Amino acid sequence: MTQADRSSPNILLIVADDLGFSDLGCFGGEIATPRLDALAMRGKRFTDFHSAPACSPTRAMLMTGTDPHVAGIGTMLEMAQPGFQGAPGYEGHLNDRVVTVTEILRDAGYHTLLSGKWHLGDTPASIPAARGFERSFALLPAGASHYAGEGLDRFSVVTTAYQEDGQPVTALPADFYSSDYFADRLISYLGERPRDRPFFAYLPFSAPHWPLQAPAASCAPYRGRYDAGPEALRAERLARLRAMGLCPPDVAPHPFVEGQDWASLSPTQQAWSARTMEVYAGMVDRMDWNIGRVVDHLAQAGDLDDTIILFLSDNGAEGAMVEAMPIVGAMIAAQIDEHFDNSLDNLGRPTSCCWYGPRWAQAATAPSRLHKSFPTEGGIRVPFFACGPGIEAGGISHAFTTAMDVPVTILAAAGLSFPAHYRGRSVAPPIGRSMLDHVAGTAAEVHPEGTTTGWELFGRRAIRRDRWKAVWLRSPEGVAAWQLYDLDADPGEIDDLAAMQPAILAELVAAWDSYVAQVGIVETPVSFFEMDAA
């Protein structure tokens, strides 16, 4: 194996949790994100980059370069059903069929660091310390209060747990705030790292995942900014996306699917909803500030010019509390009313627990259809940019790419690749491809024409080949049959062409069947749909 040395690039991978496509200023948003905007303009922004429909499957893609059904995250741990038990790929944590990008980098001489949300297992063999990270401060499950305290354990299906270097963290500082502390720990790790080795640093924030909580000072600049409602916000953002060349000038946005029209809400309801969006904006604002702190540290240490920085969201904006679905409904509402203060003036504080709902999420995913947990473009098309040595500055890419391409690209930048065998066992080959030539401006595409990519989560399905995409969703979001879309002409997935293009649909359905066999998809148990409808 090639050994890294100080001539090898440092790599910083930053992941936001449930960030919408247009939330950053460099992707058309009004939220103040000057540090991320500056990084993006130093590199290349992507308009057709795709994640999985939800958190942990995407994180599996980022660590392994392959499909989450192969890596052990065929479904989210929070949604595990008896029908999945014992099925390969549905372990709920990274399995031994894959090797992580960090294991390869560490073995080649990279110093590997993590500070933030893991969400890929809490078994001894799946925690960060066991999968290649030499230093790690990790939130193991899907989410928690962003402040110190009991957080969401009162109604979450997974207990909040932090670890540092594989050992439980029994107490957090009194002034703990997730984004601040994740940046603190990473800066500390970077400050003590060996200077004769390049580093790979992974900074996966838990912001802006629910509960929406942020320091008051970060929320204050947005007071009153969202009083016109999500419909108005969507129109503003679409206008900026068009002006910035990040979507077609004639794009038609998919109609809102869920939630109440703003005009139908009472003034009290509007004020409460607008405040949740203000807090959300404060979370994104604060995350950007903390990323600036990390970048400033790299600059002061003389490392910034030698560091490739990759940034993405792990899925589309969150329109519902997905990780709480097994206990969603009246029970969860009662728990929140009993234990949290969600009065207007307390929203965003440590004792509140709120989320902003499907309308604000769809303002952020527009022109796409729906949001997180769906394999429609609103659930899987996410902001991504790359900057640093060897990366073309100021560019916009419309090439189809996915989160599986990220670890392959990282290894290629380090002069490495995924092996066929690792420590005496066969490991799954990557599905992703290196983006290096593309971000350097020497290749127009990342994936060759005819590449087929599939998505499946919670029984929702999609398969894409070039401009054509087939989607299968149950009612009411879909029609419980395959629908067909031409994404070049219809990025909003509005016009179903299944009846007009039966041959193309038949090809995609056959490709879906091959994908199911290739990655080992297990049919979602009926009990899940009963739970989802509760």
Protein backbone atom coordinates (compact mmCIF):
# COMPACT_ATOMS: atom_id res chain seq x y z
CA MET A 1 0.00 0.00 0.00
CA THR A 2 1.19 3.52 -0.79
CA GLN A 3 2.38 5.38 2.29
CA ALA A 4 1.31 8.98 2.83
CA ASP A 5 3.82 11.66 3.75
CA ARG A 6 3.73 15.42 4.24
CA SER A 7 3.48 15.91 0.49
CA SER A 8 0.09 14.20 0.58
CA PRO A 9 -2.86 16.60 0.95
CA ASN A 10 -4.70 17.08 4.20
CA ILE A 11 -8.42 16.41 3.88
CA LEU A 12 -11.31 17.96 5.81
CA LEU A 13 -14.78 16.46 5.28
CA ILE A 14 -17.63 18.56 6.71
CA VAL A 15 -21.20 17.25 6.88
CA ALA A 16 -24.29 19.21 7.88
CA ASP A 17 -27.27 17.30 9.24
CA ASP A 18 -30.60 17.82 7.42
CA LEU A 19 -29.45 21.02 5.69
CA GLY A 20 -31.64 22.06 2.77
CA PHE A 21 -30.31 22.52 -0.75
CA SER A 22 -30.72 26.32 -0.76
CA ASP A 23 -29.96 27.10 2.89
CA LEU A 24 -26.42 28.41 2.28
CA GLY A 25 -25.81 31.78 0.69
CA CYS A 26 -23.66 30.18 -2.01
CA PHE A 27 -26.67 28.00 -2.92
CA GLY A 28 -29.25 30.80 -3.01
CA GLY A 29 -30.12 31.17 0.66
CA GLU A 30 -30.60 34.29 2.78
CA ILE A 31 -29.00 32.79 5.91
CA ALA A 32 -25.62 34.38 6.68
CA THR A 33 -22.98 31.74 5.81
CA PRO A 34 -19.97 33.86 4.82
CA ARG A 35 -17.32 31.28 5.72
CA LEU A 36 -18.91 28.46 3.75
CA ASP A 37 -19.65 30.85 0.89
CA ALA A 38 -15.99 31.87 0.72
CA LEU A 39 -14.85 28.24 0.67
CA ALA A 40 -17.37 27.35 -2.02
CA MET A 41 -16.25 30.20 -4.26
CA ARG A 42 -12.66 28.98 -3.92
CA GLY A 43 -13.78 25.67 -5.41
CA LYS A 44 -16.58 24.00 -7.34
CA ARG A 45 -20.27 23.80 -6.40
CA PHE A 46 -22.43 20.88 -7.54
CA THR A 47 -26.09 21.05 -8.53
CA ASP A 48 -26.70 17.33 -9.19
CA PHE A 49 -25.03 15.74 -6.16
CA HIS A 50 -27.02 13.05 -4.34
CA SER A 51 -27.15 11.50 -0.89
CA ALA A 52 -29.32 8.73 0.50
CA PRO A 53 -32.81 9.78 1.69
CA ALA A 54 -31.74 9.92 5.35
CA CYS A 55 -28.81 10.36 7.74
CA SER A 56 -27.14 7.05 8.54
CA PRO A 57 -27.39 5.53 5.03
CA THR A 58 -25.57 8.57 3.64
CA ARG A 59 -22.92 8.32 6.33
CA ALA A 60 -22.38 4.70 5.36
CA MET A 61 -21.88 5.81 1.75
CA LEU A 62 -19.35 8.43 2.87
CA MET A 63 -17.33 5.94 4.88
CA THR A 64 -17.39 2.98 2.46
CA GLY A 65 -18.05 4.17 -1.10
CA THR A 66 -20.76 1.56 -1.54
CA ASP A 67 -24.51 1.20 -1.14
CA PRO A 68 -25.82 1.38 2.45
CA HIS A 69 -27.65 -1.93 1.98
CA VAL A 70 -24.25 -3.57 1.51
CA ALA A 71 -22.57 -1.71 4.38
CA GLY A 72 -25.12 -2.65 7.06
CA ILE A 73 -27.49 0.33 6.96
CA GLY A 74 -30.25 -1.13 4.77
CA THR A 75 -32.58 0.72 7.09
CA MET A 76 -32.06 3.19 9.89
CA LEU A 77 -31.57 1.66 13.33
CA GLU A 78 -34.48 3.75 14.62
CA MET A 79 -36.77 2.09 12.06
CA ALA A 80 -35.56 -1.51 12.41
CA GLN A 81 -38.42 -4.01 12.14
CA PRO A 82 -38.53 -7.71 13.05
CA GLY A 83 -38.71 -8.61 9.37
CA PHE A 84 -35.19 -7.27 8.87
CA GLN A 85 -33.55 -9.29 11.63
CA GLY A 86 -30.71 -11.49 10.41
CA ALA A 87 -30.76 -10.08 6.88
CA PRO A 88 -27.27 -9.21 5.57
CA GLY A 89 -26.96 -5.48 5.20
CA TYR A 90 -29.62 -4.72 7.81
CA GLU A 91 -27.42 -4.98 10.90
CA GLY A 92 -28.04 -1.33 11.82
CA HIS A 93 -24.30 -0.64 12.01
CA LEU A 94 -21.27 -0.88 9.73
CA ASN A 95 -20.63 -4.56 9.08
CA ASP A 96 -17.49 -6.51 8.24
CA ARG A 97 -18.34 -6.68 4.53
CA VAL A 98 -16.90 -3.17 4.14
CA VAL A 99 -13.71 -1.32 4.97
CA THR A 100 -13.88 2.38 5.80
CA VAL A 101 -11.98 5.17 4.11
CA THR A 102 -10.50 6.02 7.51
CA GLU A 103 -9.10 2.52 8.04
CA ILE A 104 -7.31 2.76 4.70
CA LEU A 105 -6.04 6.29 5.34
CA ARG A 106 -4.83 5.42 8.84
CA ASP A 107 -2.98 2.35 7.61
CA ALA A 108 -1.31 4.46 4.94
CA GLY A 109 -0.01 6.97 7.48
CA TYR A 110 -2.78 9.58 7.74
CA HIS A 111 -3.68 10.94 11.16
CA THR A 112 -7.46 10.37 11.35
CA LEU A 113 -9.76 12.59 13.42
CA LEU A 114 -13.52 12.80 14.06
CA SER A 115 -15.57 15.29 16.01
CA GLY A 116 -19.34 15.16 15.65
CA LYS A 117 -22.23 12.85 14.84
CA TRP A 118 -21.42 9.22 13.95
CA HIS A 119 -24.78 7.38 13.58
CA LEU A 120 -23.16 4.23 12.18
CA GLY A 121 -23.41 1.95 15.19
CA ASP A 122 -22.52 1.64 18.84
CA THR A 123 -21.25 -1.96 18.90
CA PRO A 124 -17.60 -2.51 19.83
CA ALA A 125 -16.75 -3.25 16.20
CA SER A 126 -18.65 -0.31 14.69
CA ILE A 127 -17.74 2.72 16.82
CA PRO A 128 -15.34 5.31 15.35
CA ALA A 129 -12.37 4.07 17.37
CA ALA A 130 -12.84 0.62 15.80
CA ARG A 131 -13.27 1.91 12.24
CA GLY A 132 -10.07 3.84 11.74
CA PHE A 133 -10.24 7.02 13.82
CA GLU A 134 -7.22 7.62 16.03
CA ARG A 135 -8.94 10.48 17.86
CA SER A 136 -12.68 10.86 18.06
CA PHE A 137 -15.37 12.71 19.97
CA ALA A 138 -18.63 11.24 18.74
CA LEU A 139 -22.36 11.52 19.22
CA LEU A 140 -23.25 7.90 18.47
CA PRO A 141 -27.03 7.99 17.76
CA ALA A 142 -29.16 10.02 15.35
CA GLY A 143 -29.60 13.10 17.48
CA ALA A 144 -29.91 14.68 20.88
CA SER A 145 -30.41 18.01 22.55
CA HIS A 146 -27.83 20.45 21.25
CA TYR A 147 -27.25 21.51 24.84
CA ALA A 148 -26.04 19.57 27.88
CA GLY A 149 -28.71 17.76 29.87
CA GLU A 150 -31.15 14.93 29.46
CA GLY A 151 -32.06 16.03 25.96
CA LEU A 152 -34.45 13.85 24.03
CA ASP A 153 -34.13 10.61 25.95
CA ARG A 154 -37.65 11.03 27.26
CA PHE A 155 -39.10 10.01 23.92
CA SER A 156 -36.22 8.99 21.63
CA VAL A 157 -35.95 5.31 20.75
CA VAL A 158 -32.15 5.43 21.11
CA THR A 159 -30.37 6.67 24.23
CA THR A 160 -28.14 9.69 23.81
CA ALA A 161 -24.51 8.59 24.03
CA TYR A 162 -21.22 10.41 23.52
CA GLN A 163 -17.83 8.74 23.32
CA GLU A 164 -14.28 10.01 23.18
CA ASP A 165 -11.71 7.63 21.74
CA GLY A 166 -14.08 4.71 22.33
CA GLN A 167 -14.79 5.51 25.97
CA PRO A 168 -18.16 6.78 27.27
CA VAL A 169 -18.41 10.48 28.05
CA THR A 170 -20.31 10.65 31.32
CA ALA A 171 -20.63 14.43 31.58
CA LEU A 172 -20.61 17.34 29.17
CA PRO A 173 -19.45 20.88 30.01
CA ALA A 174 -22.16 23.11 31.42
CA ASP A 175 -21.80 25.50 28.47
CA PHE A 176 -21.97 22.68 25.89
CA TYR A 177 -23.56 23.53 22.56
CA SER A 178 -23.11 20.87 19.91
CA SER A 179 -21.69 22.91 17.03
CA ASP A 180 -19.37 24.89 19.31
CA TYR A 181 -18.07 21.82 21.10
CA PHE A 182 -17.57 19.73 17.96
CA ALA A 183 -15.43 22.54 16.55
CA ASP A 184 -13.59 22.89 19.87
CA ARG A 185 -12.64 19.22 19.98
CA LEU A 186 -11.52 19.11 16.35
CA ILE A 187 -9.38 22.22 16.79
CA SER A 188 -7.85 20.58 19.87
CA TYR A 189 -7.11 17.37 17.96
CA LEU A 190 -5.59 19.33 15.07
CA GLY A 191 -3.46 21.32 17.46
CA GLU A 192 -1.86 18.23 18.96
CA ARG A 193 -1.49 16.17 15.79
CA PRO A 194 1.91 14.91 14.59
CA ARG A 195 3.30 17.37 12.08
CA ASP A 196 5.08 14.74 10.01
CA ARG A 197 1.80 13.13 8.87
CA PRO A 198 -1.08 14.46 6.78
CA PHE A 199 -4.48 14.44 8.42
CA PHE A 200 -7.98 13.34 7.53
CA ALA A 201 -10.47 15.26 9.68
CA TYR A 202 -14.20 14.45 9.69
CA LEU A 203 -16.47 17.17 11.10
CA PRO A 204 -20.09 15.93 10.95
CA PHE A 205 -22.33 18.44 12.72
CA SER A 206 -25.63 17.44 14.29
CA ALA A 207 -27.00 20.84 13.24
CA PRO A 208 -29.47 21.77 11.95
CA HIS A 209 -31.15 18.46 12.88
CA TRP A 210 -34.12 18.76 15.24
CA PRO A 211 -34.66 19.78 18.00
CA LEU A 212 -34.18 23.28 16.63
CA GLN A 213 -32.00 24.98 19.24
CA ALA A 214 -29.46 27.77 18.92
CA PRO A 215 -27.93 30.52 21.06
CA ALA A 216 -30.13 33.59 21.20
CA ALA A 217 -27.41 35.77 19.66
CA SER A 218 -27.33 33.53 16.56
CA CYS A 219 -31.12 33.70 16.14
CA ALA A 220 -31.53 37.45 16.74
CA PRO A 221 -30.52 38.62 13.23
CA TYR A 222 -33.43 36.65 11.75
CA ARG A 223 -36.22 38.08 13.91
CA GLY A 224 -39.10 38.87 11.59
CA ARG A 225 -37.27 37.62 8.50
CA TYR A 226 -39.71 34.77 7.87
CA ASP A 227 -43.01 36.45 8.71
CA ALA A 228 -44.16 36.15 5.08
CA GLY A 229 -44.11 32.33 5.29
CA PRO A 230 -42.53 29.44 3.40
CA GLU A 231 -44.27 30.13 0.09
CA ALA A 232 -42.64 33.56 -0.06
CA LEU A 233 -39.28 32.14 1.01
CA ARG A 234 -39.41 29.51 -1.72
CA ALA A 235 -40.08 32.16 -4.37
CA GLU A 236 -37.14 34.26 -3.13
CA ARG A 237 -34.74 31.36 -3.12
CA LEU A 238 -35.80 30.10 -6.53
CA ALA A 239 -35.17 33.55 -7.98
CA ARG A 240 -31.64 33.53 -6.55
CA LEU A 241 -30.98 29.96 -7.69
CA ARG A 242 -31.94 30.98 -11.23
CA ALA A 243 -29.80 34.13 -11.09
CA MET A 244 -26.79 32.17 -9.80
CA GLY A 245 -27.04 29.52 -12.53
CA LEU A 246 -27.80 26.78 -10.00
CA CYS A 247 -31.09 25.77 -11.63
CA PRO A 248 -32.62 26.26 -15.08
CA PRO A 249 -34.14 29.71 -15.65
CA ASP A 250 -37.49 28.20 -16.65
CA VAL A 251 -37.64 25.54 -13.89
CA ALA A 252 -41.08 24.71 -12.53
CA PRO A 253 -41.06 23.88 -8.79
CA HIS A 254 -43.00 20.89 -7.54
CA PRO A 255 -46.14 22.02 -5.69
CA PHE A 256 -46.13 21.84 -1.91
CA VAL A 257 -47.25 18.37 -0.85
CA GLU A 258 -47.79 18.60 2.90
CA GLY A 259 -48.64 21.16 5.55
CA GLN A 260 -51.04 24.09 5.71
CA ASP A 261 -50.94 27.07 3.39
CA TRP A 262 -49.55 30.11 5.24
CA ALA A 263 -52.69 32.16 4.67
CA SER A 264 -54.81 29.51 6.38
CA LEU A 265 -52.87 29.82 9.65
CA SER A 266 -53.93 32.16 12.43
CA PRO A 267 -51.59 35.03 13.36
CA THR A 268 -50.55 33.09 16.47
CA GLN A 269 -49.74 30.00 14.41
CA GLN A 270 -47.81 32.07 11.88
CA ALA A 271 -45.75 33.73 14.60
CA TRP A 272 -44.86 30.36 16.14
CA SER A 273 -43.96 28.78 12.81
CA ALA A 274 -41.88 31.77 11.70
CA ARG A 275 -39.98 31.63 14.99
CA THR A 276 -39.03 27.98 14.39
CA MET A 277 -37.54 29.01 11.04
CA GLU A 278 -35.65 31.83 12.77
CA VAL A 279 -34.12 29.28 15.14
CA TYR A 280 -33.26 27.01 12.23
CA ALA A 281 -31.49 29.91 10.53
CA GLY A 282 -29.63 30.59 13.77
CA MET A 283 -28.40 26.98 13.83
CA VAL A 284 -27.05 27.24 10.29
CA ASP A 285 -25.51 30.63 11.04
CA ARG A 286 -23.78 29.21 14.14
CA MET A 287 -22.51 26.17 12.23
CA ASP A 288 -20.97 28.47 9.62
CA TRP A 289 -19.24 30.49 12.37
CA ASN A 290 -17.76 27.34 13.84
CA ILE A 291 -16.53 26.16 10.45
CA GLY A 292 -14.80 29.52 10.20
CA ARG A 293 -13.05 28.83 13.50
CA VAL A 294 -11.70 25.53 12.14
CA VAL A 295 -10.59 27.14 8.88
CA ASP A 296 -8.88 29.95 10.79
CA HIS A 297 -6.99 27.37 12.84
CA LEU A 298 -5.81 25.65 9.66
CA ALA A 299 -4.70 28.98 8.22
CA GLN A 300 -2.80 29.95 11.38
CA ALA A 301 -1.10 26.53 11.45
CA GLY A 302 -0.01 26.91 7.83
CA ASP A 303 -2.16 23.96 6.73
CA LEU A 304 -5.02 25.57 4.80
CA ASP A 305 -3.30 25.76 1.41
CA ASP A 306 -2.51 22.04 1.65
CA THR A 307 -6.03 20.98 2.65
CA ILE A 308 -8.81 19.70 0.42
CA ILE A 309 -12.18 20.65 1.94
CA LEU A 310 -15.38 18.82 1.03
CA PHE A 311 -18.79 19.95 2.30
CA LEU A 312 -22.24 18.40 1.97
CA SER A 313 -25.57 17.80 3.66
CA ASP A 314 -26.45 14.21 4.55
CA ASN A 315 -29.94 14.39 2.99
CA GLY A 316 -32.63 16.84 1.98
CA ALA A 317 -34.25 19.20 4.46
CA GLU A 318 -36.22 17.51 7.27
CA GLY A 319 -39.97 17.78 6.84
CA ALA A 320 -40.88 15.47 9.74
CA MET A 321 -39.17 14.04 12.81
CA VAL A 322 -38.06 10.92 10.96
CA GLU A 323 -36.02 9.35 13.74
CA ALA A 324 -39.04 9.60 16.06
CA MET A 325 -41.42 7.84 13.65
CA PRO A 326 -41.85 4.67 15.73
CA ILE A 327 -43.53 6.74 18.41
CA VAL A 328 -44.85 9.62 16.36
CA GLY A 329 -48.31 11.07 16.84
CA ALA A 330 -50.29 11.96 19.95
CA MET A 331 -47.86 10.22 22.30
CA ILE A 332 -44.85 12.25 21.19
CA ALA A 333 -46.84 15.48 21.29
CA ALA A 334 -47.91 14.71 24.85
CA GLN A 335 -44.31 13.98 25.87
CA ILE A 336 -43.14 17.29 24.44
CA ASP A 337 -45.95 19.22 26.12
CA GLU A 338 -45.11 17.60 29.45
CA HIS A 339 -41.34 17.99 29.43
CA PHE A 340 -40.51 20.98 27.22
CA ASP A 341 -41.44 24.66 27.06
CA ASN A 342 -42.37 25.45 23.48
CA SER A 343 -43.86 28.84 24.18
CA LEU A 344 -43.04 31.43 21.53
CA ASP A 345 -40.36 33.29 23.46
CA ASN A 346 -38.65 30.06 24.61
CA LEU A 347 -38.27 28.45 21.18
CA GLY A 348 -34.65 27.59 20.49
CA ARG A 349 -33.62 27.58 24.12
CA PRO A 350 -32.29 24.46 25.91
CA THR A 351 -35.69 23.67 27.42
CA SER A 352 -37.52 23.73 24.08
CA CYS A 353 -38.00 20.96 21.52
CA CYS A 354 -39.41 21.99 18.16
CA TRP A 355 -39.02 21.41 14.44
CA TYR A 356 -40.22 23.49 11.51
CA GLY A 357 -42.35 21.09 9.49
CA PRO A 358 -42.79 20.18 5.82
CA ARG A 359 -43.54 23.60 4.36
CA TRP A 360 -40.26 25.23 5.39
CA ALA A 361 -38.42 22.07 4.32
CA GLN A 362 -39.96 22.20 0.86
CA ALA A 363 -39.01 25.86 0.55
CA ALA A 364 -35.41 24.68 1.00
CA THR A 365 -35.61 21.71 -1.38
CA ALA A 366 -37.35 23.58 -4.22
CA PRO A 367 -37.62 23.15 -7.12
CA SER A 368 -37.47 19.51 -6.08
CA ARG A 369 -40.23 17.22 -4.83
CA LEU A 370 -40.69 16.48 -1.11
CA HIS A 371 -37.89 16.26 1.48
CA LYS A 372 -35.83 13.96 3.71
CA SER A 373 -36.78 10.26 3.84
CA PHE A 374 -38.02 10.27 0.22
CA PRO A 375 -35.96 9.17 -2.82
CA THR A 376 -37.45 12.03 -4.82
CA GLU A 377 -35.01 14.83 -5.62
CA GLY A 378 -36.08 16.83 -2.56
CA GLY A 379 -34.89 14.03 -0.31
CA ILE A 380 -31.62 13.18 -2.03
CA ARG A 381 -30.34 16.21 -3.99
CA VAL A 382 -28.11 18.10 -1.57
CA PRO A 383 -25.58 20.93 -1.58
CA PHE A 384 -21.99 19.85 -2.16
CA PHE A 385 -18.78 21.69 -2.90
CA ALA A 386 -15.07 20.92 -2.99
CA CYS A 387 -12.16 23.32 -2.70
CA GLY A 388 -8.41 23.18 -2.16
CA PRO A 389 -5.28 22.22 -4.05
CA GLY A 390 -5.95 20.92 -7.55
CA ILE A 391 -9.62 22.01 -7.57
CA GLU A 392 -10.91 24.51 -10.11
CA ALA A 393 -12.04 27.75 -8.45
CA GLY A 394 -15.39 29.43 -9.02
CA GLY A 395 -16.93 26.62 -11.02
CA ILE A 396 -20.42 25.12 -11.05
CA SER A 397 -20.84 21.45 -11.90
CA HIS A 398 -24.05 19.94 -13.25
CA ALA A 399 -22.53 16.43 -13.36
CA PHE A 400 -24.41 13.60 -11.66
CA THR A 401 -22.53 12.57 -8.52
CA THR A 402 -23.31 10.83 -5.21
CA ALA A 403 -22.00 10.52 -1.67
CA MET A 404 -20.41 7.20 -2.69
CA ASP A 405 -18.01 9.20 -4.87
CA VAL A 406 -16.65 11.13 -1.89
CA PRO A 407 -14.49 8.44 -0.21
CA VAL A 408 -13.20 7.22 -3.58
CA THR A 409 -12.17 10.81 -4.34
CA ILE A 410 -10.52 11.20 -0.94
CA LEU A 411 -8.47 8.06 -1.44
CA ALA A 412 -7.53 9.08 -4.98
CA ALA A 413 -6.28 12.44 -3.68
CA ALA A 414 -4.09 10.52 -1.24
CA GLY A 415 -2.83 8.16 -3.95
CA LEU A 416 -4.85 5.26 -2.52
CA SER A 417 -7.83 3.08 -3.44
CA PHE A 418 -10.27 0.67 -1.88
CA PRO A 419 -8.78 -2.85 -1.64
CA ALA A 420 -10.51 -6.10 -2.56
CA HIS A 421 -9.35 -7.66 0.72
CA TYR A 422 -8.72 -6.11 4.10
CA ARG A 423 -7.10 -7.86 7.06
CA GLY A 424 -7.86 -11.33 5.78
CA ARG A 425 -11.41 -10.80 4.60
CA SER A 426 -13.01 -9.91 1.29
CA VAL A 427 -14.63 -6.48 1.26
CA ALA A 428 -17.24 -5.00 -1.05
CA PRO A 429 -15.88 -2.95 -3.93
CA PRO A 430 -16.86 0.71 -4.13
CA ILE A 431 -19.69 1.81 -6.37
CA GLY A 432 -18.53 5.42 -6.33
CA ARG A 433 -15.99 6.94 -8.71
CA SER A 434 -13.28 9.53 -8.19
CA MET A 435 -14.24 13.14 -8.87
CA LEU A 436 -10.63 14.36 -8.99
CA ASP A 437 -10.40 14.90 -12.74
CA HIS A 438 -13.81 16.54 -12.77
CA VAL A 439 -13.10 19.02 -9.96
CA ALA A 440 -9.77 19.81 -11.62
CA GLY A 441 -11.65 20.75 -14.78
CA THR A 442 -10.13 18.05 -16.98
CA ALA A 443 -13.19 15.75 -17.22
CA ALA A 444 -16.74 16.80 -18.06
CA GLU A 445 -18.44 13.98 -16.14
CA VAL A 446 -17.77 11.69 -13.18
CA HIS A 447 -19.96 8.74 -14.20
CA PRO A 448 -20.10 7.39 -17.75
CA GLU A 449 -23.27 7.56 -19.79
CA GLY A 450 -25.63 4.74 -18.90
CA THR A 451 -24.72 4.60 -15.22
CA THR A 452 -27.61 3.31 -13.14
CA THR A 453 -28.08 4.33 -9.50
CA GLY A 454 -30.75 3.11 -7.10
CA TRP A 455 -32.18 4.32 -3.80
CA GLU A 456 -34.42 2.52 -1.31
CA LEU A 457 -35.49 3.40 2.21
CA PHE A 458 -38.69 2.66 4.15
CA GLY A 459 -40.10 0.85 1.12
CA ARG A 460 -39.76 3.97 -1.05
CA ARG A 461 -37.84 3.35 -4.28
CA ALA A 462 -36.08 5.17 -7.09
CA ILE A 463 -33.81 4.20 -9.97
CA ARG A 464 -31.99 6.66 -12.26
CA ARG A 465 -30.13 6.33 -15.55
CA ASP A 466 -28.86 9.55 -17.09
CA ARG A 467 -31.79 11.97 -17.48
CA TRP A 468 -34.46 9.36 -16.68
CA LYS A 469 -35.66 8.50 -13.18
CA ALA A 470 -38.39 6.15 -11.99
CA VAL A 471 -39.94 6.61 -8.53
CA TRP A 472 -42.22 4.33 -6.51
CA LEU A 473 -44.04 5.83 -3.52
CA ARG A 474 -47.11 4.77 -1.62
CA SER A 475 -50.17 7.01 -1.35
CA PRO A 476 -50.61 9.83 -0.48
CA GLU A 477 -47.16 11.01 -1.65
CA GLY A 478 -47.24 8.69 -4.67
CA VAL A 479 -49.58 6.32 -6.49
CA ALA A 480 -48.22 2.92 -5.35
CA ALA A 481 -46.89 2.36 -8.88
CA TRP A 482 -43.81 3.38 -10.82
CA GLN A 483 -43.76 6.98 -12.05
CA LEU A 484 -41.29 8.19 -14.69
CA TYR A 485 -39.61 11.60 -14.96
CA ASP A 486 -37.26 13.30 -17.40
CA LEU A 487 -35.03 15.25 -15.00
CA ASP A 488 -33.47 17.37 -17.73
CA ALA A 489 -36.85 18.77 -18.74
CA ASP A 490 -38.58 18.38 -15.37
CA PRO A 491 -36.25 18.61 -12.35
CA GLY A 492 -39.28 19.14 -10.11
CA GLU A 493 -40.62 15.64 -10.92
CA ILE A 494 -44.05 16.99 -11.81
CA ASP A 495 -44.96 15.36 -15.15
CA ASP A 496 -45.29 11.57 -14.92
CA LEU A 497 -44.29 10.10 -18.30
CA ALA A 498 -44.89 6.44 -17.41
CA ALA A 499 -47.78 6.11 -19.86
CA MET A 500 -46.00 8.03 -22.64
CA GLN A 501 -42.64 6.24 -22.39
CA PRO A 502 -43.43 2.61 -21.47
CA ALA A 503 -40.22 1.24 -23.01
CA ILE A 504 -37.99 3.53 -20.98
CA LEU A 505 -39.96 2.72 -17.83
CA ALA A 506 -39.62 -1.00 -18.51
CA GLU A 507 -35.84 -0.62 -18.84
CA LEU A 508 -35.65 1.22 -15.53
CA VAL A 509 -37.85 -1.30 -13.73
CA ALA A 510 -35.58 -4.08 -15.02
CA ALA A 511 -32.61 -2.06 -13.76
CA TRP A 512 -34.37 -1.78 -10.40
CA ASP A 513 -34.70 -5.55 -10.19
CA SER A 514 -30.97 -5.88 -10.88
CA TYR A 515 -30.19 -3.29 -8.21
CA VAL A 516 -32.31 -5.19 -5.65
CA ALA A 517 -30.38 -8.37 -6.38
CA GLN A 518 -27.00 -6.61 -6.41
CA VAL A 519 -27.26 -4.92 -3.00
CA GLY A 520 -29.62 -7.35 -1.25
CA ILE A 521 -32.72 -5.27 -0.56
CA VAL A 522 -35.24 -6.93 1.74
CA GLU A 523 -38.90 -6.09 1.26
CA THR A 524 -40.06 -3.66 3.92
CA PRO A 525 -42.34 -5.39 6.46
CA VAL A 526 -46.01 -4.47 6.46
CA SER A 527 -45.64 -3.49 10.12
CA PHE A 528 -43.51 -0.52 9.06
CA PHE A 529 -46.29 0.91 6.91
CA GLU A 530 -48.77 0.44 9.74
CA MET A 531 -46.40 2.37 12.01
CA ASP A 532 -45.88 5.06 9.39
CA ALA A 533 -49.62 5.59 9.11
CA ALA A 534 -50.15 5.89 12.87
